[in-house]
Amino acid sequence: MTITIISPRSDDAACVPGNRPGVAHIDPDIKLVTGTLCSASEDWFEEPLERGLRLILVQSGQLRCRIPGQPEHLIKGPSLCTIASDGDFTSTQIYGTEKPLRYTIVQLGVEALNDRAGWLPEPLVQRPGGDPRIMSCPAPRAMQALASQIATCQMFGPTRDLYLGGKAMELAALSAQFLSGEAGATEAPRIACPEVERIHAARDLLVESLQEPPTLDALATRVGMNPRKLTVGFRKVFGASVFGYLQEYRLREAHRMLCDEEVNVSTVAYRVGYSPAHFSIAFRKRYGISPSEIC
């Protein structure tokens, strides 16, 4: 298996015009890309459509998309847009300029277009020699949580490759289940785009203040939400509670420092906001070994 990884950027909070893909995981059958696009232009952009099935999860922001033979689609996050193409076609899109476009894309090969697989809905079933097909719908919160886990992956090396490869397949499987109608009809109401941006801002504030994180009330006030709404929204977007996410991030960052930097356990504990004693207990519970065994 051939794998290429592009490391995530650390400057997503600053909306500088341009497209900043954060992660790419590639093998012969599947491609995973996630990132943030900040557009300062209201021009249409054209790009070739890869052959196969493209699953585009728009977490926040919006775009308008045109493909041959299909009506124009307005896609607002959080949404899942799916494009099936088996020919030499291009798509054109214009991106919203008011908010960054956060996206995750899984590109599957032409084998995914085989209607005998039975999971493609009728609007995506291709006719021989026909135009590409497109459909979009609100994204389930489970997909949003997966996309956030991909974008915030803190692993490195072979472990990172395995993690991202598994998440790409998990997101593809979840999309197949959802598109085939197996996922159930009782999906909770989706989070409004402005709230998603506030929740991402809350996450950024947390990871920037590992040593002295704000209280839940203070965090909610700083991003303009009430604590209960932030708690519910955070779990929907990131798949964990606010401080459950913080603890996981602290321990992953600590693991990275112990593996990659020449620092002692006490220094690492302090940098991620733990006392040495509490850090050792939490680290052993998470990884099954004490932090001193890594140094």
C-alpha atoms as a PDB file:
ATOM      1  CA  MET A   1       0.000   0.000   0.000  1.00  0.00           C
ATOM      2  CA  THR A   2       1.352   3.430  -0.964  1.00  0.00           C
ATOM      3  CA  ILE A   3       0.510   6.154   1.535  1.00  0.00           C
ATOM      4  CA  THR A   4       1.209   9.877   1.393  1.00  0.00           C
ATOM      5  CA  ILE A   5       0.575  12.102   4.398  1.00  0.00           C
ATOM      6  CA  ILE A   6       0.428  15.909   4.343  1.00  0.00           C
ATOM      7  CA  SER A   7       0.803  17.191   7.899  1.00  0.00           C
ATOM      8  CA  PRO A   8      -2.025  19.338   9.296  1.00  0.00           C
ATOM      9  CA  ARG A   9      -1.527  23.094   9.434  1.00  0.00           C
ATOM     10  CA  SER A  10      -1.553  24.900  12.767  1.00  0.00           C
ATOM     11  CA  ASP A  11      -2.930  28.202  11.407  1.00  0.00           C
ATOM     12  CA  ASP A  12      -6.546  27.224  10.684  1.00  0.00           C
ATOM     13  CA  ALA A  13      -7.816  29.861  13.078  1.00  0.00           C
ATOM     14  CA  ALA A  14      -6.495  32.650  10.859  1.00  0.00           C
ATOM     15  CA  CYS A  15      -8.659  32.974   7.785  1.00  0.00           C
ATOM     16  CA  VAL A  16      -6.019  33.635   5.151  1.00  0.00           C
ATOM     17  CA  PRO A  17      -7.395  33.363   1.598  1.00  0.00           C
ATOM     18  CA  GLY A  18      -6.528  30.048   0.006  1.00  0.00           C
ATOM     19  CA  ASN A  19      -7.075  26.327   0.335  1.00  0.00           C
ATOM     20  CA  ARG A  20      -5.158  24.630   3.145  1.00  0.00           C
ATOM     21  CA  PRO A  21      -5.637  20.854   3.008  1.00  0.00           C
ATOM     22  CA  GLY A  22      -4.794  19.434   6.394  1.00  0.00           C
ATOM     23  CA  VAL A  23      -4.471  15.700   5.821  1.00  0.00           C
ATOM     24  CA  ALA A  24      -4.194  13.498   2.763  1.00  0.00           C
ATOM     25  CA  HIS A  25      -4.123   9.710   2.923  1.00  0.00           C
ATOM     26  CA  ILE A  26      -3.798   7.958  -0.422  1.00  0.00           C
ATOM     27  CA  ASP A  27      -3.697   4.345  -1.572  1.00  0.00           C
ATOM     28  CA  PRO A  28      -4.790   2.739  -4.864  1.00  0.00           C
ATOM     29  CA  ASP A  29      -8.462   2.536  -3.853  1.00  0.00           C
ATOM     30  CA  ILE A  30      -9.226   5.404  -1.503  1.00  0.00           C
ATOM     31  CA  LYS A  31      -8.183   9.004  -0.974  1.00  0.00           C
ATOM     32  CA  LEU A  32      -8.856  11.115   2.109  1.00  0.00           C
ATOM     33  CA  VAL A  33      -8.432  14.889   2.249  1.00  0.00           C
ATOM     34  CA  THR A  34      -9.503  17.329   4.932  1.00  0.00           C
ATOM     35  CA  GLY A  35      -8.833  21.023   5.315  1.00  0.00           C
ATOM     36  CA  THR A  36     -10.075  24.584   5.423  1.00  0.00           C
ATOM     37  CA  LEU A  37     -10.664  26.846   2.441  1.00  0.00           C
ATOM     38  CA  CYS A  38     -10.942  30.609   2.883  1.00  0.00           C
ATOM     39  CA  SER A  39     -12.100  32.363  -0.270  1.00  0.00           C
ATOM     40  CA  ALA A  40     -11.738  36.068  -0.976  1.00  0.00           C
ATOM     41  CA  SER A  41     -13.085  35.688  -4.522  1.00  0.00           C
ATOM     42  CA  GLU A  42     -16.596  35.327  -5.899  1.00  0.00           C
ATOM     43  CA  ASP A  43     -15.327  33.784  -9.145  1.00  0.00           C
ATOM     44  CA  TRP A  44     -16.164  30.282 -10.351  1.00  0.00           C
ATOM     45  CA  PHE A  45     -13.341  27.728 -10.117  1.00  0.00           C
ATOM     46  CA  GLU A  46     -13.079  24.717 -12.421  1.00  0.00           C
ATOM     47  CA  GLU A  47     -11.449  21.378 -11.614  1.00  0.00           C
ATOM     48  CA  PRO A  48     -11.540  17.879 -13.129  1.00  0.00           C
ATOM     49  CA  LEU A  49     -13.796  15.260 -11.565  1.00  0.00           C
ATOM     50  CA  GLU A  50     -11.960  12.111 -10.584  1.00  0.00           C
ATOM     51  CA  ARG A  51     -13.563   8.902 -11.793  1.00  0.00           C
ATOM     52  CA  GLY A  52     -15.397   7.125  -9.029  1.00  0.00           C
ATOM     53  CA  LEU A  53     -17.505   8.204  -6.091  1.00  0.00           C
ATOM     54  CA  ARG A  54     -16.641  11.402  -4.214  1.00  0.00           C
ATOM     55  CA  LEU A  55     -18.062  11.850  -0.714  1.00  0.00           C
ATOM     56  CA  ILE A  56     -17.744  15.501   0.332  1.00  0.00           C
ATOM     57  CA  LEU A  57     -18.560  16.310   3.927  1.00  0.00           C
ATOM     58  CA  VAL A  58     -18.947  20.065   4.345  1.00  0.00           C
ATOM     59  CA  GLN A  59     -18.655  20.702   8.063  1.00  0.00           C
ATOM     60  CA  SER A  60     -19.213  24.468   7.905  1.00  0.00           C
ATOM     61  CA  GLY A  61     -19.325  27.239   5.341  1.00  0.00           C
ATOM     62  CA  GLN A  62     -20.998  26.899   1.960  1.00  0.00           C
ATOM     63  CA  LEU A  63     -20.410  26.572  -1.778  1.00  0.00           C
ATOM     64  CA  ARG A  64     -22.353  26.388  -5.028  1.00  0.00           C
ATOM     65  CA  CYS A  65     -21.464  23.510  -7.338  1.00  0.00           C
ATOM     66  CA  ARG A  66     -22.199  22.805 -11.010  1.00  0.00           C
ATOM     67  CA  ILE A  67     -21.542  19.579 -12.903  1.00  0.00           C
ATOM     68  CA  PRO A  68     -22.586  18.699 -16.478  1.00  0.00           C
ATOM     69  CA  GLY A  69     -26.226  17.752 -16.982  1.00  0.00           C
ATOM     70  CA  GLN A  70     -27.289  18.551 -13.385  1.00  0.00           C
ATOM     71  CA  PRO A  71     -28.907  21.589 -11.746  1.00  0.00           C
ATOM     72  CA  GLU A  72     -26.713  23.832  -9.622  1.00  0.00           C
ATOM     73  CA  HIS A  73     -26.389  22.706  -5.997  1.00  0.00           C
ATOM     74  CA  LEU A  74     -26.096  25.021  -3.004  1.00  0.00           C
ATOM     75  CA  ILE A  75     -24.318  23.112  -0.245  1.00  0.00           C
ATOM     76  CA  LYS A  76     -24.338  24.470   3.306  1.00  0.00           C
ATOM     77  CA  GLY A  77     -22.550  22.770   6.163  1.00  0.00           C
ATOM     78  CA  PRO A  78     -23.003  20.443   7.835  1.00  0.00           C
ATOM     79  CA  SER A  79     -23.943  18.518   4.655  1.00  0.00           C
ATOM     80  CA  LEU A  80     -22.896  15.429   2.749  1.00  0.00           C
ATOM     81  CA  CYS A  81     -22.533  15.966  -1.002  1.00  0.00           C
ATOM     82  CA  THR A  82     -21.976  12.886  -3.171  1.00  0.00           C
ATOM     83  CA  ILE A  83     -20.788  12.942  -6.801  1.00  0.00           C
ATOM     84  CA  ALA A  84     -20.657   9.871  -9.067  1.00  0.00           C
ATOM     85  CA  SER A  85     -18.582  10.225 -12.250  1.00  0.00           C
ATOM     86  CA  ASP A  86     -17.208   7.718 -14.754  1.00  0.00           C
ATOM     87  CA  GLY A  87     -15.972   9.951 -17.563  1.00  0.00           C
ATOM     88  CA  ASP A  88     -13.845  12.962 -18.417  1.00  0.00           C
ATOM     89  CA  PHE A  89     -15.857  15.718 -16.753  1.00  0.00           C
ATOM     90  CA  THR A  90     -15.164  18.875 -14.796  1.00  0.00           C
ATOM     91  CA  SER A  91     -17.006  20.616 -11.987  1.00  0.00           C
ATOM     92  CA  THR A  92     -17.178  24.333 -11.244  1.00  0.00           C
ATOM     93  CA  GLN A  93     -17.799  25.841  -7.864  1.00  0.00           C
ATOM     94  CA  ILE A  94     -17.944  29.175  -6.114  1.00  0.00           C
ATOM     95  CA  TYR A  95     -17.134  29.367  -2.420  1.00  0.00           C
ATOM     96  CA  GLY A  96     -18.777  31.516   0.225  1.00  0.00           C
ATOM     97  CA  THR A  97     -16.593  34.408   1.355  1.00  0.00           C
ATOM     98  CA  GLU A  98     -18.221  35.090   4.729  1.00  0.00           C
ATOM     99  CA  LYS A  99     -17.036  31.949   6.536  1.00  0.00           C
ATOM    100  CA  PRO A 100     -14.242  29.404   6.060  1.00  0.00           C
ATOM    101  CA  LEU A 101     -15.230  26.193   4.313  1.00  0.00           C
ATOM    102  CA  ARG A 102     -14.246  23.209   6.469  1.00  0.00           C
ATOM    103  CA  TYR A 103     -14.389  20.015   4.457  1.00  0.00           C
ATOM    104  CA  THR A 104     -13.503  16.319   4.450  1.00  0.00           C
ATOM    105  CA  ILE A 105     -13.433  14.334   1.194  1.00  0.00           C
ATOM    106  CA  VAL A 106     -13.313  10.583   0.666  1.00  0.00           C
ATOM    107  CA  GLN A 107     -12.706   9.632  -2.977  1.00  0.00           C
ATOM    108  CA  LEU A 108     -13.548   6.035  -3.859  1.00  0.00           C
ATOM    109  CA  GLY A 109     -12.619   4.279  -7.118  1.00  0.00           C
ATOM    110  CA  VAL A 110     -14.911   3.353  -9.997  1.00  0.00           C
ATOM    111  CA  GLU A 111     -15.738   0.034  -8.316  1.00  0.00           C
ATOM    112  CA  ALA A 112     -17.957   1.982  -5.912  1.00  0.00           C
ATOM    113  CA  LEU A 113     -20.206   2.936  -8.859  1.00  0.00           C
ATOM    114  CA  ASN A 114     -21.191  -0.678  -9.480  1.00  0.00           C
ATOM    115  CA  ASP A 115     -24.988  -0.667  -8.999  1.00  0.00           C
ATOM    116  CA  ARG A 116     -24.827  -4.346  -8.072  1.00  0.00           C
ATOM    117  CA  ALA A 117     -23.371  -3.251  -4.746  1.00  0.00           C
ATOM    118  CA  GLY A 118     -26.908  -2.124  -3.968  1.00  0.00           C
ATOM    119  CA  TRP A 119     -26.162   0.847  -1.732  1.00  0.00           C
ATOM    120  CA  LEU A 120     -26.209   3.749  -4.186  1.00  0.00           C
ATOM    121  CA  PRO A 121     -29.544   5.607  -4.185  1.00  0.00           C
ATOM    122  CA  GLU A 122     -31.307   6.060  -7.522  1.00  0.00           C
ATOM    123  CA  PRO A 123     -30.182   9.700  -8.061  1.00  0.00           C
ATOM    124  CA  LEU A 124     -26.531   8.526  -8.064  1.00  0.00           C
ATOM    125  CA  VAL A 125     -26.876   5.468 -10.298  1.00  0.00           C
ATOM    126  CA  GLN A 126     -24.952   6.150 -13.516  1.00  0.00           C
ATOM    127  CA  ARG A 127     -26.205   5.305 -16.966  1.00  0.00           C
ATOM    128  CA  PRO A 128     -23.559   3.987 -19.420  1.00  0.00           C
ATOM    129  CA  GLY A 129     -21.956   6.998 -21.060  1.00  0.00           C
ATOM    130  CA  GLY A 130     -24.153   9.345 -19.020  1.00  0.00           C
ATOM    131  CA  ASP A 131     -23.380  12.594 -17.234  1.00  0.00           C
ATOM    132  CA  PRO A 132     -22.069  12.599 -13.670  1.00  0.00           C
ATOM    133  CA  ARG A 133     -24.629  12.537 -10.881  1.00  0.00           C
ATOM    134  CA  ILE A 134     -24.819  14.632  -7.717  1.00  0.00           C
ATOM    135  CA  MET A 135     -26.943  14.728  -4.585  1.00  0.00           C
ATOM    136  CA  SER A 136     -26.633  16.421  -1.193  1.00  0.00           C
ATOM    137  CA  CYS A 137     -28.348  16.075   2.160  1.00  0.00           C
ATOM    138  CA  PRO A 138     -27.827  17.079   5.812  1.00  0.00           C
ATOM    139  CA  ALA A 139     -24.888  15.245   7.365  1.00  0.00           C
ATOM    140  CA  PRO A 140     -25.535  12.969  10.356  1.00  0.00           C
ATOM    141  CA  ARG A 141     -23.743  14.005  13.510  1.00  0.00           C
ATOM    142  CA  ALA A 142     -21.771  10.722  13.519  1.00  0.00           C
ATOM    143  CA  MET A 143     -20.127  11.807  10.239  1.00  0.00           C
ATOM    144  CA  GLN A 144     -19.357  15.234  11.673  1.00  0.00           C
ATOM    145  CA  ALA A 145     -17.672  13.625  14.677  1.00  0.00           C
ATOM    146  CA  LEU A 146     -15.583  11.387  12.408  1.00  0.00           C
ATOM    147  CA  ALA A 147     -14.474  14.346  10.306  1.00  0.00           C
ATOM    148  CA  SER A 148     -13.377  16.195  13.434  1.00  0.00           C
ATOM    149  CA  GLN A 149     -11.387  13.180  14.620  1.00  0.00           C
ATOM    150  CA  ILE A 150      -9.603  13.049  11.255  1.00  0.00           C
ATOM    151  CA  ALA A 151      -8.818  16.767  11.186  1.00  0.00           C
ATOM    152  CA  THR A 152      -7.463  16.830  14.749  1.00  0.00           C
ATOM    153  CA  CYS A 153      -5.417  13.609  14.608  1.00  0.00           C
ATOM    154  CA  GLN A 154      -2.273  14.043  16.753  1.00  0.00           C
ATOM    155  CA  MET A 155      -0.581  10.750  15.864  1.00  0.00           C
ATOM    156  CA  PHE A 156       2.618  10.407  13.858  1.00  0.00           C
ATOM    157  CA  GLY A 157       4.371   7.865  11.678  1.00  0.00           C
ATOM    158  CA  PRO A 158       2.909   4.398  11.042  1.00  0.00           C
ATOM    159  CA  THR A 159       0.346   4.814  13.836  1.00  0.00           C
ATOM    160  CA  ARG A 160      -0.999   7.905  12.081  1.00  0.00           C
ATOM    161  CA  ASP A 161      -1.203   6.046   8.758  1.00  0.00           C
ATOM    162  CA  LEU A 162      -3.197   3.220  10.317  1.00  0.00           C
ATOM    163  CA  TYR A 163      -5.486   5.637  12.162  1.00  0.00           C
ATOM    164  CA  LEU A 164      -6.274   7.768   9.098  1.00  0.00           C
ATOM    165  CA  GLY A 165      -6.711   4.751   6.850  1.00  0.00           C
ATOM    166  CA  GLY A 166      -9.180   3.266   9.303  1.00  0.00           C
ATOM    167  CA  LYS A 167     -11.070   6.548   9.641  1.00  0.00           C
ATOM    168  CA  ALA A 168     -11.301   6.902   5.846  1.00  0.00           C
ATOM    169  CA  MET A 169     -12.838   3.443   5.572  1.00  0.00           C
ATOM    170  CA  GLU A 170     -15.122   4.125   8.539  1.00  0.00           C
ATOM    171  CA  LEU A 171     -16.375   7.355   6.964  1.00  0.00           C
ATOM    172  CA  ALA A 172     -16.936   5.594   3.631  1.00  0.00           C
ATOM    173  CA  ALA A 173     -18.847   2.777   5.359  1.00  0.00           C
ATOM    174  CA  LEU A 174     -20.961   5.226   7.346  1.00  0.00           C
ATOM    175  CA  SER A 175     -21.760   7.127   4.137  1.00  0.00           C
ATOM    176  CA  ALA A 176     -22.757   3.898   2.395  1.00  0.00           C
ATOM    177  CA  GLN A 177     -25.024   2.995   5.304  1.00  0.00           C
ATOM    178  CA  PHE A 178     -26.575   6.450   5.323  1.00  0.00           C
ATOM    179  CA  LEU A 179     -27.088   6.657   1.545  1.00  0.00           C
ATOM    180  CA  SER A 180     -28.607   3.187   1.402  1.00  0.00           C
ATOM    181  CA  GLY A 181     -31.202   4.178   4.000  1.00  0.00           C
ATOM    182  CA  GLU A 182     -29.997   1.765   6.676  1.00  0.00           C
ATOM    183  CA  ALA A 183     -29.053   4.439   9.172  1.00  0.00           C
ATOM    184  CA  GLY A 184     -32.509   5.014  10.623  1.00  0.00           C
ATOM    185  CA  ALA A 185     -34.727   8.031  10.331  1.00  0.00           C
ATOM    186  CA  THR A 186     -34.408   9.520  13.798  1.00  0.00           C
ATOM    187  CA  GLU A 187     -31.446  11.819  13.225  1.00  0.00           C
ATOM    188  CA  ALA A 188     -31.265  14.703  15.679  1.00  0.00           C
ATOM    189  CA  PRO A 189     -31.581  18.234  14.294  1.00  0.00           C
ATOM    190  CA  ARG A 190     -28.330  19.401  12.780  1.00  0.00           C
ATOM    191  CA  ILE A 191     -26.261  22.205  14.249  1.00  0.00           C
ATOM    192  CA  ALA A 192     -26.520  25.586  12.547  1.00  0.00           C
ATOM    193  CA  CYS A 193     -23.391  26.716  10.696  1.00  0.00           C
ATOM    194  CA  PRO A 194     -22.680  29.713  13.012  1.00  0.00           C
ATOM    195  CA  GLU A 195     -22.795  27.386  16.028  1.00  0.00           C
ATOM    196  CA  VAL A 196     -20.336  24.981  14.377  1.00  0.00           C
ATOM    197  CA  GLU A 197     -17.898  27.875  13.963  1.00  0.00           C
ATOM    198  CA  ARG A 198     -18.310  28.833  17.636  1.00  0.00           C
ATOM    199  CA  ILE A 199     -17.717  25.234  18.702  1.00  0.00           C
ATOM    200  CA  HIS A 200     -14.524  25.085  16.616  1.00  0.00           C
ATOM    201  CA  ALA A 201     -13.457  28.389  18.197  1.00  0.00           C
ATOM    202  CA  ALA A 202     -14.064  26.876  21.652  1.00  0.00           C
ATOM    203  CA  ARG A 203     -11.924  23.899  20.723  1.00  0.00           C
ATOM    204  CA  ASP A 204      -9.118  26.225  19.561  1.00  0.00           C
ATOM    205  CA  LEU A 205      -9.265  28.145  22.857  1.00  0.00           C
ATOM    206  CA  LEU A 206      -9.000  24.893  24.818  1.00  0.00           C
ATOM    207  CA  VAL A 207      -5.926  23.561  23.016  1.00  0.00           C
ATOM    208  CA  GLU A 208      -4.220  26.962  23.191  1.00  0.00           C
ATOM    209  CA  SER A 209      -4.588  26.978  27.008  1.00  0.00           C
ATOM    210  CA  LEU A 210      -3.577  23.475  28.084  1.00  0.00           C
ATOM    211  CA  GLN A 211      -1.883  24.650  31.285  1.00  0.00           C
ATOM    212  CA  GLU A 212      -4.808  26.791  32.464  1.00  0.00           C
ATOM    213  CA  PRO A 213      -7.926  26.001  30.415  1.00  0.00           C
ATOM    214  CA  PRO A 214     -10.991  28.209  30.931  1.00  0.00           C
ATOM    215  CA  THR A 215     -13.958  26.916  32.896  1.00  0.00           C
ATOM    216  CA  LEU A 216     -16.960  25.725  30.934  1.00  0.00           C
ATOM    217  CA  ASP A 217     -18.856  28.927  31.775  1.00  0.00           C
ATOM    218  CA  ALA A 218     -15.935  31.140  30.745  1.00  0.00           C
ATOM    219  CA  LEU A 219     -15.392  29.174  27.532  1.00  0.00           C
ATOM    220  CA  ALA A 220     -19.069  29.413  26.618  1.00  0.00           C
ATOM    221  CA  THR A 221     -19.076  33.162  27.281  1.00  0.00           C
ATOM    222  CA  ARG A 222     -16.010  33.740  25.107  1.00  0.00           C
ATOM    223  CA  VAL A 223     -17.580  32.032  22.083  1.00  0.00           C
ATOM    224  CA  GLY A 224     -21.054  33.475  22.618  1.00  0.00           C
ATOM    225  CA  MET A 225     -22.946  30.317  23.630  1.00  0.00           C
ATOM    226  CA  ASN A 226     -24.601  29.135  26.814  1.00  0.00           C
ATOM    227  CA  PRO A 227     -22.811  26.261  28.615  1.00  0.00           C
ATOM    228  CA  ARG A 228     -25.491  23.651  27.927  1.00  0.00           C
ATOM    229  CA  LYS A 229     -25.629  24.414  24.211  1.00  0.00           C
ATOM    230  CA  LEU A 230     -21.845  24.343  23.985  1.00  0.00           C
ATOM    231  CA  THR A 231     -21.719  20.985  25.772  1.00  0.00           C
ATOM    232  CA  VAL A 232     -24.339  19.399  23.503  1.00  0.00           C
ATOM    233  CA  GLY A 233     -22.851  20.934  20.356  1.00  0.00           C
ATOM    234  CA  PHE A 234     -19.297  19.941  21.277  1.00  0.00           C
ATOM    235  CA  ARG A 235     -20.341  16.327  21.671  1.00  0.00           C
ATOM    236  CA  LYS A 236     -22.099  16.383  18.287  1.00  0.00           C
ATOM    237  CA  VAL A 237     -19.166  17.958  16.442  1.00  0.00           C
ATOM    238  CA  PHE A 238     -16.224  16.250  18.181  1.00  0.00           C
ATOM    239  CA  GLY A 239     -17.821  13.102  19.589  1.00  0.00           C
ATOM    240  CA  ALA A 240     -16.785  13.896  23.170  1.00  0.00           C
ATOM    241  CA  SER A 241     -17.603  16.252  26.011  1.00  0.00           C
ATOM    242  CA  VAL A 242     -15.651  19.516  26.238  1.00  0.00           C
ATOM    243  CA  PHE A 243     -13.291  18.292  28.943  1.00  0.00           C
ATOM    244  CA  GLY A 244     -13.287  14.716  27.692  1.00  0.00           C
ATOM    245  CA  TYR A 245     -11.863  16.101  24.453  1.00  0.00           C
ATOM    246  CA  LEU A 246      -9.392  18.264  26.403  1.00  0.00           C
ATOM    247  CA  GLN A 247      -8.094  15.286  28.372  1.00  0.00           C
ATOM    248  CA  GLU A 248      -7.651  13.190  25.220  1.00  0.00           C
ATOM    249  CA  TYR A 249      -5.848  16.052  23.468  1.00  0.00           C
ATOM    250  CA  ARG A 250      -3.564  16.600  26.481  1.00  0.00           C
ATOM    251  CA  LEU A 251      -2.573  12.940  26.618  1.00  0.00           C
ATOM    252  CA  ARG A 252      -1.976  12.678  22.864  1.00  0.00           C
ATOM    253  CA  GLU A 253       0.144  15.826  22.934  1.00  0.00           C
ATOM    254  CA  ALA A 254       2.056  14.447  25.922  1.00  0.00           C
ATOM    255  CA  HIS A 255       2.650  11.154  24.087  1.00  0.00           C
ATOM    256  CA  ARG A 256       3.979  13.076  21.077  1.00  0.00           C
ATOM    257  CA  MET A 257       6.369  15.134  23.226  1.00  0.00           C
ATOM    258  CA  LEU A 258       7.690  12.072  25.047  1.00  0.00           C
ATOM    259  CA  CYS A 259       8.346  10.324  21.722  1.00  0.00           C
ATOM    260  CA  ASP A 260       9.737  13.264  19.735  1.00  0.00           C
ATOM    261  CA  GLU A 261      11.387  15.620  22.220  1.00  0.00           C
ATOM    262  CA  GLU A 262      14.123  15.183  24.816  1.00  0.00           C
ATOM    263  CA  VAL A 263      12.090  16.256  27.841  1.00  0.00           C
ATOM    264  CA  ASN A 264      11.441  14.629  31.194  1.00  0.00           C
ATOM    265  CA  VAL A 265       8.065  13.462  32.470  1.00  0.00           C
ATOM    266  CA  SER A 266       7.581  16.355  34.890  1.00  0.00           C
ATOM    267  CA  THR A 267       8.152  18.939  32.147  1.00  0.00           C
ATOM    268  CA  VAL A 268       5.694  17.215  29.827  1.00  0.00           C
ATOM    269  CA  ALA A 269       3.112  16.980  32.611  1.00  0.00           C
ATOM    270  CA  TYR A 270       3.416  20.709  33.287  1.00  0.00           C
ATOM    271  CA  ARG A 271       3.190  21.658  29.602  1.00  0.00           C
ATOM    272  CA  VAL A 272      -0.102  19.827  29.138  1.00  0.00           C
ATOM    273  CA  GLY A 273      -1.628  21.012  32.410  1.00  0.00           C
ATOM    274  CA  TYR A 274      -1.149  18.068  34.789  1.00  0.00           C
ATOM    275  CA  SER A 275       0.662  17.579  38.065  1.00  0.00           C
ATOM    276  CA  PRO A 276       3.277  14.790  37.635  1.00  0.00           C
ATOM    277  CA  ALA A 277       1.352  12.383  39.898  1.00  0.00           C
ATOM    278  CA  HIS A 278      -2.001  12.858  38.192  1.00  0.00           C
ATOM    279  CA  PHE A 279      -0.314  12.793  34.783  1.00  0.00           C
ATOM    280  CA  SER A 280       1.249   9.368  35.377  1.00  0.00           C
ATOM    281  CA  ILE A 281      -2.100   7.903  36.460  1.00  0.00           C
ATOM    282  CA  ALA A 282      -4.004   9.353  33.493  1.00  0.00           C
ATOM    283  CA  PHE A 283      -1.265   8.373  31.016  1.00  0.00           C
ATOM    284  CA  ARG A 284      -1.123   4.770  32.227  1.00  0.00           C
ATOM    285  CA  LYS A 285      -4.913   4.513  32.060  1.00  0.00           C
ATOM    286  CA  ARG A 286      -4.904   5.815  28.471  1.00  0.00           C
ATOM    287  CA  TYR A 287      -1.863   4.002  27.019  1.00  0.00           C
ATOM    288  CA  GLY A 288      -1.316   1.041  29.343  1.00  0.00           C
ATOM    289  CA  ILE A 289       2.239   2.081  30.239  1.00  0.00           C
ATOM    290  CA  SER A 290       3.770   4.750  32.434  1.00  0.00           C
ATOM    291  CA  PRO A 291       5.188   7.873  30.747  1.00  0.00           C
ATOM    292  CA  SER A 292       8.676   7.098  32.127  1.00  0.00           C
ATOM    293  CA  GLU A 293       8.747   3.905  30.002  1.00  0.00           C
ATOM    294  CA  ILE A 294       8.708   6.046  26.845  1.00  0.00           C
ATOM    295  CA  CYS A 295      11.458   8.487  27.816  1.00  0.00           C
END
